[in-house]
PDB file of all heavy atoms in Angstrom:
ATOM      1  N   GLN A   1       0.842  -1.209  -0.010  1.00  0.00           N
ATOM      2  CA  GLN A   1      -0.006  -0.002   0.002  1.00  0.00           C
ATOM      3  C   GLN A   1       0.874   1.259   0.003  1.00  0.00           C
ATOM      4  O   GLN A   1       0.594   2.226  -0.712  1.00  0.00           O
ATOM      5  CB  GLN A   1      -0.922   0.013   1.227  1.00  0.00           C
ATOM      6  CG  GLN A   1      -1.801   1.251   1.331  1.00  0.00           C
ATOM      7  CD  GLN A   1      -2.742   1.400   0.169  1.00  0.00           C
ATOM      8  OE1 GLN A   1      -3.273   0.429  -0.345  1.00  0.00           O
ATOM      9  NE2 GLN A   1      -2.984   2.614  -0.262  1.00  0.00           N
ATOM     10  N   PHE A   2       1.945   1.263   0.789  1.00  0.00           N
ATOM     11  CA  PHE A   2       2.867   2.385   0.815  1.00  0.00           C
ATOM     12  C   PHE A   2       3.494   2.608  -0.561  1.00  0.00           C
ATOM     13  O   PHE A   2       3.571   3.748  -1.040  1.00  0.00           O
ATOM     14  CB  PHE A   2       3.970   2.135   1.863  1.00  0.00           C
ATOM     15  CG  PHE A   2       5.044   3.173   1.854  1.00  0.00           C
ATOM     16  CD1 PHE A   2       4.853   4.394   2.469  1.00  0.00           C
ATOM     17  CD2 PHE A   2       6.260   2.948   1.214  1.00  0.00           C
ATOM     18  CE1 PHE A   2       5.825   5.382   2.425  1.00  0.00           C
ATOM     19  CE2 PHE A   2       7.246   3.895   1.186  1.00  0.00           C
ATOM     20  CZ  PHE A   2       7.027   5.113   1.805  1.00  0.00           C
ATOM     21  N   ILE A   3       3.913   1.552  -1.192  1.00  0.00           N
ATOM     22  CA  ILE A   3       4.529   1.644  -2.524  1.00  0.00           C
ATOM     23  C   ILE A   3       3.515   2.208  -3.505  1.00  0.00           C
ATOM     24  O   ILE A   3       3.831   3.098  -4.300  1.00  0.00           O
ATOM     25  CB  ILE A   3       5.082   0.288  -2.976  1.00  0.00           C
ATOM     26  CG1 ILE A   3       6.255  -0.143  -2.077  1.00  0.00           C
ATOM     27  CG2 ILE A   3       5.500   0.332  -4.442  1.00  0.00           C
ATOM     28  CD1 ILE A   3       6.702  -1.572  -2.284  1.00  0.00           C
ATOM     29  N   ARG A   4       2.282   1.691  -3.513  1.00  0.00           N
ATOM     30  CA  ARG A   4       1.241   2.198  -4.399  1.00  0.00           C
ATOM     31  C   ARG A   4       0.979   3.662  -4.166  1.00  0.00           C
ATOM     32  O   ARG A   4       0.838   4.441  -5.107  1.00  0.00           O
ATOM     33  CB  ARG A   4      -0.044   1.393  -4.250  1.00  0.00           C
ATOM     34  CG  ARG A   4      -0.048   0.062  -4.976  1.00  0.00           C
ATOM     35  CD  ARG A   4      -1.443  -0.519  -5.052  1.00  0.00           C
ATOM     36  NE  ARG A   4      -2.004  -0.832  -3.743  1.00  0.00           N
ATOM     37  CZ  ARG A   4      -1.834  -1.931  -3.066  1.00  0.00           C
ATOM     38  NH1 ARG A   4      -1.087  -2.903  -3.582  1.00  0.00           N
ATOM     39  NH2 ARG A   4      -2.373  -2.109  -1.901  1.00  0.00           N
ATOM     40  N   THR A   5       0.905   4.061  -2.915  1.00  0.00           N
ATOM     41  CA  THR A   5       0.633   5.453  -2.573  1.00  0.00           C
ATOM     42  C   THR A   5       1.767   6.359  -3.068  1.00  0.00           C
ATOM     43  O   THR A   5       1.507   7.436  -3.623  1.00  0.00           O
ATOM     44  CB  THR A   5       0.466   5.616  -1.058  1.00  0.00           C
ATOM     45  OG1 THR A   5      -0.594   4.780  -0.625  1.00  0.00           O
ATOM     46  CG2 THR A   5       0.158   7.053  -0.669  1.00  0.00           C
ATOM     47  N   GLN A   6       3.003   5.951  -2.863  1.00  0.00           N
ATOM     48  CA  GLN A   6       4.143   6.745  -3.329  1.00  0.00           C
ATOM     49  C   GLN A   6       4.111   6.875  -4.865  1.00  0.00           C
ATOM     50  O   GLN A   6       4.346   7.991  -5.366  1.00  0.00           O
ATOM     51  CB  GLN A   6       5.455   6.101  -2.889  1.00  0.00           C
ATOM     52  CG  GLN A   6       5.737   6.219  -1.430  1.00  0.00           C
ATOM     53  CD  GLN A   6       5.955   7.630  -0.993  1.00  0.00           C
ATOM     54  OE1 GLN A   6       5.074   8.244  -0.393  1.00  0.00           O
ATOM     55  NE2 GLN A   6       7.082   8.190  -1.310  1.00  0.00           N
ATOM     56  N   LEU A   7       3.938   5.788  -5.560  1.00  0.00           N
ATOM     57  CA  LEU A   7       3.913   5.829  -7.003  1.00  0.00           C
ATOM     58  C   LEU A   7       2.787   6.661  -7.544  1.00  0.00           C
ATOM     59  O   LEU A   7       2.929   7.435  -8.488  1.00  0.00           O
ATOM     60  CB  LEU A   7       3.853   4.405  -7.595  1.00  0.00           C
ATOM     61  CG  LEU A   7       5.108   3.553  -7.380  1.00  0.00           C
ATOM     62  CD1 LEU A   7       4.876   2.132  -7.877  1.00  0.00           C
ATOM     63  CD2 LEU A   7       6.307   4.187  -8.082  1.00  0.00           C
ATOM     64  N   GLN A   8       1.597   6.545  -6.919  1.00  0.00           N
ATOM     65  CA  GLN A   8       0.449   7.330  -7.336  1.00  0.00           C
ATOM     66  C   GLN A   8       0.732   8.836  -7.127  1.00  0.00           C
ATOM     67  O   GLN A   8       0.388   9.659  -7.974  1.00  0.00           O
ATOM     68  CB  GLN A   8      -0.806   6.929  -6.581  1.00  0.00           C
ATOM     69  CG  GLN A   8      -2.060   7.601  -7.060  1.00  0.00           C
ATOM     70  CD  GLN A   8      -2.420   7.203  -8.463  1.00  0.00           C
ATOM     71  OE1 GLN A   8      -2.397   6.020  -8.809  1.00  0.00           O
ATOM     72  NE2 GLN A   8      -2.738   8.162  -9.298  1.00  0.00           N
ATOM     73  N   SER A   9       1.347   9.165  -6.035  1.00  0.00           N
ATOM     74  CA  SER A   9       1.693  10.538  -5.748  1.00  0.00           C
ATOM     75  C   SER A   9       2.634  11.106  -6.791  1.00  0.00           C
ATOM     76  O   SER A   9       2.511  12.224  -7.256  1.00  0.00           O
ATOM     77  CB  SER A   9       2.283  10.650  -4.348  1.00  0.00           C
ATOM     78  OG  SER A   9       2.730  11.940  -4.101  1.00  0.00           O
ATOM     79  N   GLN A  10       3.652  10.329  -7.125  1.00  0.00           N
ATOM     80  CA  GLN A  10       4.622  10.735  -8.127  1.00  0.00           C
ATOM     81  C   GLN A  10       3.964  10.904  -9.500  1.00  0.00           C
ATOM     82  O   GLN A  10       4.268  11.861 -10.239  1.00  0.00           O
ATOM     83  CB  GLN A  10       5.774   9.756  -8.192  1.00  0.00           C
ATOM     84  CG  GLN A  10       6.654   9.790  -6.957  1.00  0.00           C
ATOM     85  CD  GLN A  10       7.684   8.688  -6.942  1.00  0.00           C
ATOM     86  OE1 GLN A  10       7.727   7.850  -7.842  1.00  0.00           O
ATOM     87  NE2 GLN A  10       8.506   8.680  -5.915  1.00  0.00           N
ATOM     88  N   LEU A  11       3.083   9.986  -9.862  1.00  0.00           N
ATOM     89  CA  LEU A  11       2.364  10.089 -11.137  1.00  0.00           C
ATOM     90  C   LEU A  11       1.498  11.338 -11.178  1.00  0.00           C
ATOM     91  O   LEU A  11       1.464  12.045 -12.177  1.00  0.00           O
ATOM     92  CB  LEU A  11       1.522   8.848 -11.399  1.00  0.00           C
ATOM     93  CG  LEU A  11       2.274   7.598 -11.822  1.00  0.00           C
ATOM     94  CD1 LEU A  11       1.362   6.397 -11.834  1.00  0.00           C
ATOM     95  CD2 LEU A  11       2.897   7.816 -13.197  1.00  0.00           C
ATOM     96  N   ASN A  12       0.777  11.605 -10.091  1.00  0.00           N
ATOM     97  CA  ASN A  12      -0.066  12.783 -10.043  1.00  0.00           C
ATOM     98  C   ASN A  12       0.747  14.045 -10.182  1.00  0.00           C
ATOM     99  O   ASN A  12       0.358  14.967 -10.889  1.00  0.00           O
ATOM    100  CB  ASN A  12      -0.869  12.825  -8.721  1.00  0.00           C
ATOM    101  CG  ASN A  12      -1.954  11.778  -8.675  1.00  0.00           C
ATOM    102  OD1 ASN A  12      -2.367  11.233  -9.696  1.00  0.00           O
ATOM    103  ND2 ASN A  12      -2.410  11.469  -7.484  1.00  0.00           N
ATOM    104  N   SER A  13       1.893  14.115  -9.536  1.00  0.00           N
ATOM    105  CA  SER A  13       2.742  15.259  -9.611  1.00  0.00           C
ATOM    106  C   SER A  13       3.275  15.448 -11.043  1.00  0.00           C
ATOM    107  O   SER A  13       3.295  16.559 -11.579  1.00  0.00           O
ATOM    108  CB  SER A  13       3.911  15.116  -8.642  1.00  0.00           C
ATOM    109  OG  SER A  13       4.797  16.182  -8.753  1.00  0.00           O
ATOM    110  N   ALA A  14       3.670  14.379 -11.681  1.00  0.00           N
ATOM    111  CA  ALA A  14       4.182  14.455 -13.053  1.00  0.00           C
ATOM    112  C   ALA A  14       3.063  14.883 -14.011  1.00  0.00           C
ATOM    113  O   ALA A  14       3.317  15.687 -14.908  1.00  0.00           O
ATOM    114  CB  ALA A  14       4.739  13.096 -13.461  1.00  0.00           C
ATOM    115  N   GLN A  15       1.868  14.386 -13.818  1.00  0.00           N
ATOM    116  CA  GLN A  15       0.745  14.791 -14.662  1.00  0.00           C
ATOM    117  C   GLN A  15       0.431  16.273 -14.493  1.00  0.00           C
ATOM    118  O   GLN A  15       0.175  16.964 -15.492  1.00  0.00           O
ATOM    119  CB  GLN A  15      -0.508  13.967 -14.346  1.00  0.00           C
ATOM    120  CG  GLN A  15      -0.490  12.582 -14.950  1.00  0.00           C
ATOM    121  CD  GLN A  15      -1.782  11.834 -14.651  1.00  0.00           C
ATOM    122  OE1 GLN A  15      -2.337  11.943 -13.554  1.00  0.00           O
ATOM    123  NE2 GLN A  15      -2.243  11.085 -15.633  1.00  0.00           N
ATOM    124  N   ARG A  16       0.480  16.755 -13.287  1.00  0.00           N
ATOM    125  CA  ARG A  16       0.214  18.171 -13.031  1.00  0.00           C
ATOM    126  C   ARG A  16       1.286  19.040 -13.693  1.00  0.00           C
ATOM    127  O   ARG A  16       0.966  20.074 -14.305  1.00  0.00           O
ATOM    128  CB  ARG A  16       0.168  18.468 -11.518  1.00  0.00           C
ATOM    129  CG  ARG A  16      -0.105  19.876 -11.159  1.00  0.00           C
ATOM    130  CD  ARG A  16      -1.465  20.284 -11.605  1.00  0.00           C
ATOM    131  NE  ARG A  16      -1.605  21.721 -11.514  1.00  0.00           N
ATOM    132  CZ  ARG A  16      -2.617  22.412 -11.939  1.00  0.00           C
ATOM    133  NH1 ARG A  16      -3.639  21.791 -12.490  1.00  0.00           N
ATOM    134  NH2 ARG A  16      -2.674  23.692 -11.819  1.00  0.00           N
ATOM    135  N   THR A  17       2.505  18.630 -13.610  1.00  0.00           N
ATOM    136  CA  THR A  17       3.583  19.363 -14.254  1.00  0.00           C
ATOM    137  C   THR A  17       3.408  19.392 -15.767  1.00  0.00           C
ATOM    138  O   THR A  17       3.545  20.447 -16.406  1.00  0.00           O
ATOM    139  CB  THR A  17       4.949  18.763 -13.889  1.00  0.00           C
ATOM    140  OG1 THR A  17       5.110  18.819 -12.484  1.00  0.00           O
ATOM    141  CG2 THR A  17       6.096  19.513 -14.570  1.00  0.00           C
ATOM    142  N   MET A  18       3.056  18.256 -16.337  1.00  0.00           N
ATOM    143  CA  MET A  18       2.818  18.163 -17.786  1.00  0.00           C
ATOM    144  C   MET A  18       1.654  19.065 -18.185  1.00  0.00           C
ATOM    145  O   MET A  18       1.705  19.777 -19.213  1.00  0.00           O
ATOM    146  CB  MET A  18       2.573  16.743 -18.203  1.00  0.00           C
ATOM    147  CG  MET A  18       3.816  15.902 -18.282  1.00  0.00           C
ATOM    148  SD  MET A  18       3.558  14.213 -18.835  1.00  0.00           S
ATOM    149  CE  MET A  18       2.813  14.466 -20.420  1.00  0.00           C
ATOM    150  N   PHE A  19       0.590  19.054 -17.402  1.00  0.00           N
ATOM    151  CA  PHE A  19      -0.579  19.888 -17.679  1.00  0.00           C
ATOM    152  C   PHE A  19      -0.191  21.372 -17.664  1.00  0.00           C
ATOM    153  O   PHE A  19      -0.580  22.146 -18.559  1.00  0.00           O
ATOM    154  CB  PHE A  19      -1.688  19.626 -16.671  1.00  0.00           C
ATOM    155  CG  PHE A  19      -2.878  20.530 -16.844  1.00  0.00           C
ATOM    156  CD1 PHE A  19      -3.792  20.317 -17.842  1.00  0.00           C
ATOM    157  CD2 PHE A  19      -3.064  21.601 -15.986  1.00  0.00           C
ATOM    158  CE1 PHE A  19      -4.877  21.153 -17.999  1.00  0.00           C
ATOM    159  CE2 PHE A  19      -4.123  22.457 -16.147  1.00  0.00           C
ATOM    160  CZ  PHE A  19      -5.056  22.245 -17.158  1.00  0.00           C
ATOM    161  N   ASP A  20       0.578  21.768 -16.665  1.00  0.00           N
ATOM    162  CA  ASP A  20       1.008  23.165 -16.561  1.00  0.00           C
ATOM    163  C   ASP A  20       1.867  23.563 -17.764  1.00  0.00           C
ATOM    164  O   ASP A  20       1.692  24.660 -18.320  1.00  0.00           O
ATOM    165  CB  ASP A  20       1.779  23.392 -15.255  1.00  0.00           C
ATOM    166  CG  ASP A  20       0.896  23.318 -14.009  1.00  0.00           C
ATOM    167  OD1 ASP A  20      -0.340  23.414 -14.150  1.00  0.00           O
ATOM    168  OD2 ASP A  20       1.460  23.167 -12.899  1.00  0.00           O
ATOM    169  N   LEU A  21       2.784  22.707 -18.156  1.00  0.00           N
ATOM    170  CA  LEU A  21       3.636  23.011 -19.323  1.00  0.00           C
ATOM    171  C   LEU A  21       2.823  23.078 -20.608  1.00  0.00           C
ATOM    172  O   LEU A  21       3.041  23.966 -21.441  1.00  0.00           O
ATOM    173  CB  LEU A  21       4.742  21.971 -19.428  1.00  0.00           C
ATOM    174  CG  LEU A  21       5.804  22.020 -18.330  1.00  0.00           C
ATOM    175  CD1 LEU A  21       6.753  20.825 -18.463  1.00  0.00           C
ATOM    176  CD2 LEU A  21       6.576  23.314 -18.382  1.00  0.00           C
ATOM    177  N   GLU A  22       1.882  22.158 -20.781  1.00  0.00           N
ATOM    178  CA  GLU A  22       1.040  22.189 -21.953  1.00  0.00           C
ATOM    179  C   GLU A  22       0.184  23.471 -22.006  1.00  0.00           C
ATOM    180  O   GLU A  22       0.018  24.057 -23.090  1.00  0.00           O
ATOM    181  CB  GLU A  22       0.101  20.969 -22.002  1.00  0.00           C
ATOM    182  CG  GLU A  22       0.853  19.685 -22.320  1.00  0.00           C
ATOM    183  CD  GLU A  22      -0.032  18.443 -22.129  1.00  0.00           C
ATOM    184  OE1 GLU A  22      -1.155  18.554 -21.630  1.00  0.00           O
ATOM    185  OE2 GLU A  22       0.422  17.361 -22.505  1.00  0.00           O
ATOM    186  N   THR A  23      -0.279  23.909 -20.863  1.00  0.00           N
ATOM    187  CA  THR A  23      -1.061  25.144 -20.796  1.00  0.00           C
ATOM    188  C   THR A  23      -0.194  26.336 -21.145  1.00  0.00           C
ATOM    189  O   THR A  23      -0.605  27.239 -21.887  1.00  0.00           O
ATOM    190  CB  THR A  23      -1.683  25.337 -19.390  1.00  0.00           C
ATOM    191  OG1 THR A  23      -2.507  24.196 -19.095  1.00  0.00           O
ATOM    192  CG2 THR A  23      -2.493  26.587 -19.292  1.00  0.00           C
ATOM    193  N   GLN A  24       1.038  26.362 -20.641  1.00  0.00           N
ATOM    194  CA  GLN A  24       1.941  27.451 -20.975  1.00  0.00           C
ATOM    195  C   GLN A  24       2.232  27.494 -22.482  1.00  0.00           C
ATOM    196  O   GLN A  24       2.257  28.569 -23.083  1.00  0.00           O
ATOM    197  CB  GLN A  24       3.254  27.283 -20.225  1.00  0.00           C
ATOM    198  CG  GLN A  24       3.170  27.596 -18.743  1.00  0.00           C
ATOM    199  CD  GLN A  24       4.499  27.319 -18.023  1.00  0.00           C
ATOM    200  OE1 GLN A  24       5.496  27.074 -18.636  1.00  0.00           O
ATOM    201  NE2 GLN A  24       4.453  27.381 -16.697  1.00  0.00           N
ATOM    202  N   ILE A  25       2.426  26.331 -23.075  1.00  0.00           N
ATOM    203  CA  ILE A  25       2.726  26.275 -24.508  1.00  0.00           C
ATOM    204  C   ILE A  25       1.496  26.711 -25.319  1.00  0.00           C
ATOM    205  O   ILE A  25       1.629  27.508 -26.257  1.00  0.00           O
ATOM    206  CB  ILE A  25       3.153  24.844 -24.901  1.00  0.00           C
ATOM    207  CG1 ILE A  25       4.536  24.546 -24.305  1.00  0.00           C
ATOM    208  CG2 ILE A  25       3.197  24.693 -26.417  1.00  0.00           C
ATOM    209  CD1 ILE A  25       4.936  23.105 -24.412  1.00  0.00           C
ATOM    210  N   SER A  26       0.331  26.232 -24.978  1.00  0.00           N
ATOM    211  CA  SER A  26      -0.850  26.516 -25.774  1.00  0.00           C
ATOM    212  C   SER A  26      -1.324  27.962 -25.646  1.00  0.00           C
ATOM    213  O   SER A  26      -1.867  28.537 -26.579  1.00  0.00           O
ATOM    214  CB  SER A  26      -1.976  25.539 -25.446  1.00  0.00           C
ATOM    215  OG  SER A  26      -2.462  25.751 -24.126  1.00  0.00           O
ATOM    216  N   THR A  27      -1.160  28.561 -24.459  1.00  0.00           N
ATOM    217  CA  THR A  27      -1.633  29.924 -24.256  1.00  0.00           C
ATOM    218  C   THR A  27      -0.559  30.966 -24.497  1.00  0.00           C
ATOM    219  O   THR A  27      -0.848  32.107 -24.755  1.00  0.00           O
ATOM    220  CB  THR A  27      -2.159  30.116 -22.807  1.00  0.00           C
ATOM    221  OG1 THR A  27      -1.085  29.959 -21.897  1.00  0.00           O
ATOM    222  CG2 THR A  27      -3.298  29.187 -22.494  1.00  0.00           C
TER     223      THR A  27
END
């Protein structure tokens, strides 16, 4: 469960960063 939580947290953070960068590029 700890491993899943850590990986999920890292994935969420990476997705948020990608979303922010895509928004910067598109706007």
